[in-house]
Protein backbone atom coordinates (compact mmCIF):
# COMPACT_ATOMS: atom_id res chain seq x y z
CA VAL A 1 81.97 95.20 117.95
CA ASP A 2 84.99 94.33 115.38
CA ASP A 3 87.19 96.32 117.78
CA ILE A 4 86.67 93.82 120.75
CA LEU A 5 87.26 90.77 118.42
CA HIS A 6 90.63 92.27 117.28
CA VAL A 7 91.80 93.23 120.91
CA VAL A 8 90.82 89.71 121.89
CA ALA A 9 92.29 88.06 118.83
CA GLU A 10 95.51 89.84 119.32
CA THR A 11 95.87 89.27 123.07
CA ARG A 12 95.71 92.72 124.36
CA ALA A 13 94.03 91.90 127.50
CA ALA A 14 94.26 95.36 129.23
CA GLU A 15 92.24 96.77 126.60
CA ILE A 16 89.26 94.50 127.02
CA GLY A 17 87.89 96.39 129.87
CA PRO A 18 87.55 99.94 128.33
CA VAL A 19 86.29 98.55 124.78
CA MET A 20 83.49 96.23 126.87
CA SER A 21 82.51 99.70 128.66
CA LYS A 22 81.84 101.49 125.45
CA LEU A 23 80.08 98.27 123.71
CA GLN A 24 77.93 98.20 127.14
CA GLY A 25 77.15 101.88 126.63
CA GLN A 26 75.99 101.34 122.86
CA GLY A 27 73.69 98.68 124.29
CA VAL A 28 75.38 95.61 122.62
CA ASN A 29 73.56 91.95 123.50
CA PRO A 30 75.80 89.62 125.32
CA VAL A 31 74.72 86.65 123.22
CA THR A 32 75.33 88.50 119.85
CA LEU A 33 78.89 89.34 121.02
CA THR A 34 79.31 85.70 121.76
CA ILE A 35 78.18 84.81 118.27
CA MET A 36 80.14 86.73 116.24
CA ALA A 37 83.14 85.86 118.54
CA THR A 38 82.66 82.66 117.84
CA ARG A 39 82.28 83.13 114.18
CA SER A 40 85.56 85.21 114.49
CA PHE A 41 87.43 82.45 115.88
CA ARG A 42 86.03 79.62 113.77
CA THR A 43 87.35 81.71 110.93
CA LEU A 44 90.66 81.98 112.38
CA TYR A 45 90.57 78.12 113.20
CA ARG A 46 89.85 77.80 109.53
CA ILE A 47 92.88 79.47 108.53
CA ALA A 48 95.16 78.05 110.93
CA ALA A 49 94.22 74.63 110.12
CA ASN A 50 94.63 74.82 106.37
CA PRO A 51 97.36 77.36 106.01
CA GLY A 52 97.70 77.44 102.15
CA ALA A 53 93.79 77.52 101.51
CA PRO A 54 92.08 80.71 99.93
CA ILE A 55 90.72 82.86 102.34
CA TYR A 56 87.05 84.11 101.89
CA GLY A 57 84.79 86.56 103.71
CA VAL A 58 87.58 88.20 105.47
CA ARG A 59 88.00 91.89 105.39
CA ASP A 60 91.83 92.42 106.45
CA ARG A 61 93.14 88.66 105.32
CA ASP A 62 97.12 89.78 106.31
CA ARG A 63 95.80 90.68 109.78
CA ALA A 64 93.47 87.45 110.15
CA MET A 65 96.57 85.14 108.67
CA ARG A 66 98.62 86.74 111.48
CA GLN A 67 96.13 86.23 114.18
CA ALA A 68 95.74 82.57 112.96
CA ARG A 69 99.32 82.04 112.88
CA ASN A 70 100.04 83.58 116.20
CA TRP A 71 97.17 81.48 117.69
CA GLY A 72 97.73 78.25 115.95
CA ALA A 73 95.13 75.75 115.45
CA VAL A 74 95.45 73.93 119.32
CA LYS A 75 94.70 77.24 121.08
CA LEU A 76 91.75 78.34 118.55
CA GLU A 77 90.08 75.04 119.12
CA THR A 78 90.22 75.68 123.02
CA ALA A 79 89.40 79.46 122.42
CA LEU A 80 86.19 78.09 120.39
CA ALA A 81 85.22 75.61 123.33
CA VAL A 82 85.66 78.51 126.00
CA LEU A 83 83.04 80.45 123.70
CA THR A 84 80.74 77.68 123.60
CA GLU A 85 80.80 77.23 127.24
CA THR A 86 80.12 80.90 127.39
CA ASP A 87 77.21 80.80 125.01
CA LEU A 88 75.64 78.05 126.84
CA LYS A 89 75.76 79.93 130.46
CA LEU A 90 74.13 82.85 128.75
CA ARG A 91 71.52 81.02 127.58
CA SER A 92 70.74 78.70 130.37
CA ALA A 93 67.47 79.23 132.50
CA GLY A 94 69.52 79.49 135.65
CA GLN A 95 72.05 82.06 134.85
CA HIS A 96 72.69 84.93 137.30
CA ALA A 97 75.51 86.59 136.86
CA PRO A 98 75.56 89.76 134.74
CA ALA A 99 75.77 88.67 131.00
CA LEU A 100 78.16 91.24 129.70
CA ALA A 101 80.73 90.15 132.81
CA LEU A 102 80.56 86.80 131.66
CA VAL A 103 81.50 87.50 128.13
CA GLU A 104 84.38 90.01 129.33
CA ARG A 105 85.61 87.18 131.50
CA ALA A 106 85.67 84.83 128.71
CA PHE A 107 87.54 87.48 126.29
CA ILE A 108 89.96 88.13 129.18
CA ARG A 109 90.78 83.95 129.34
CA LEU A 110 90.90 84.38 125.74
CA ALA A 111 93.30 87.02 125.44
CA MET A 112 95.49 85.22 128.25
CA LEU A 113 95.38 81.85 126.24
CA GLY A 114 96.69 83.42 123.09
CA ALA A 115 99.42 85.56 124.75
CA GLN A 116 100.84 82.08 126.28
CA ARG A 117 103.60 80.70 124.05
């Protein structure tokens, strides 16, 4: 799961499809994936919003700092909104689209958003 989170955070949109296929084969739950992505992007937002603050609970601090710096706080706020919207769609009663496809689409949107300068 960490692989897809890094692919999205590092704006490598072309790699999202193959990694998602691998996750689908492993039976990863789309809601769990969205929750983990939200947690990851929330951490990046915390780092971007407070650049001098100590970083706790992150395995690769340099990578997280680089990702947060590349995104910036404003784009990370938008990313969190996209993830929240996706989570709500996944949990809504009237949901008919394939859940993993919704998550993949959201991840592609995020990667493209992060790549914008």
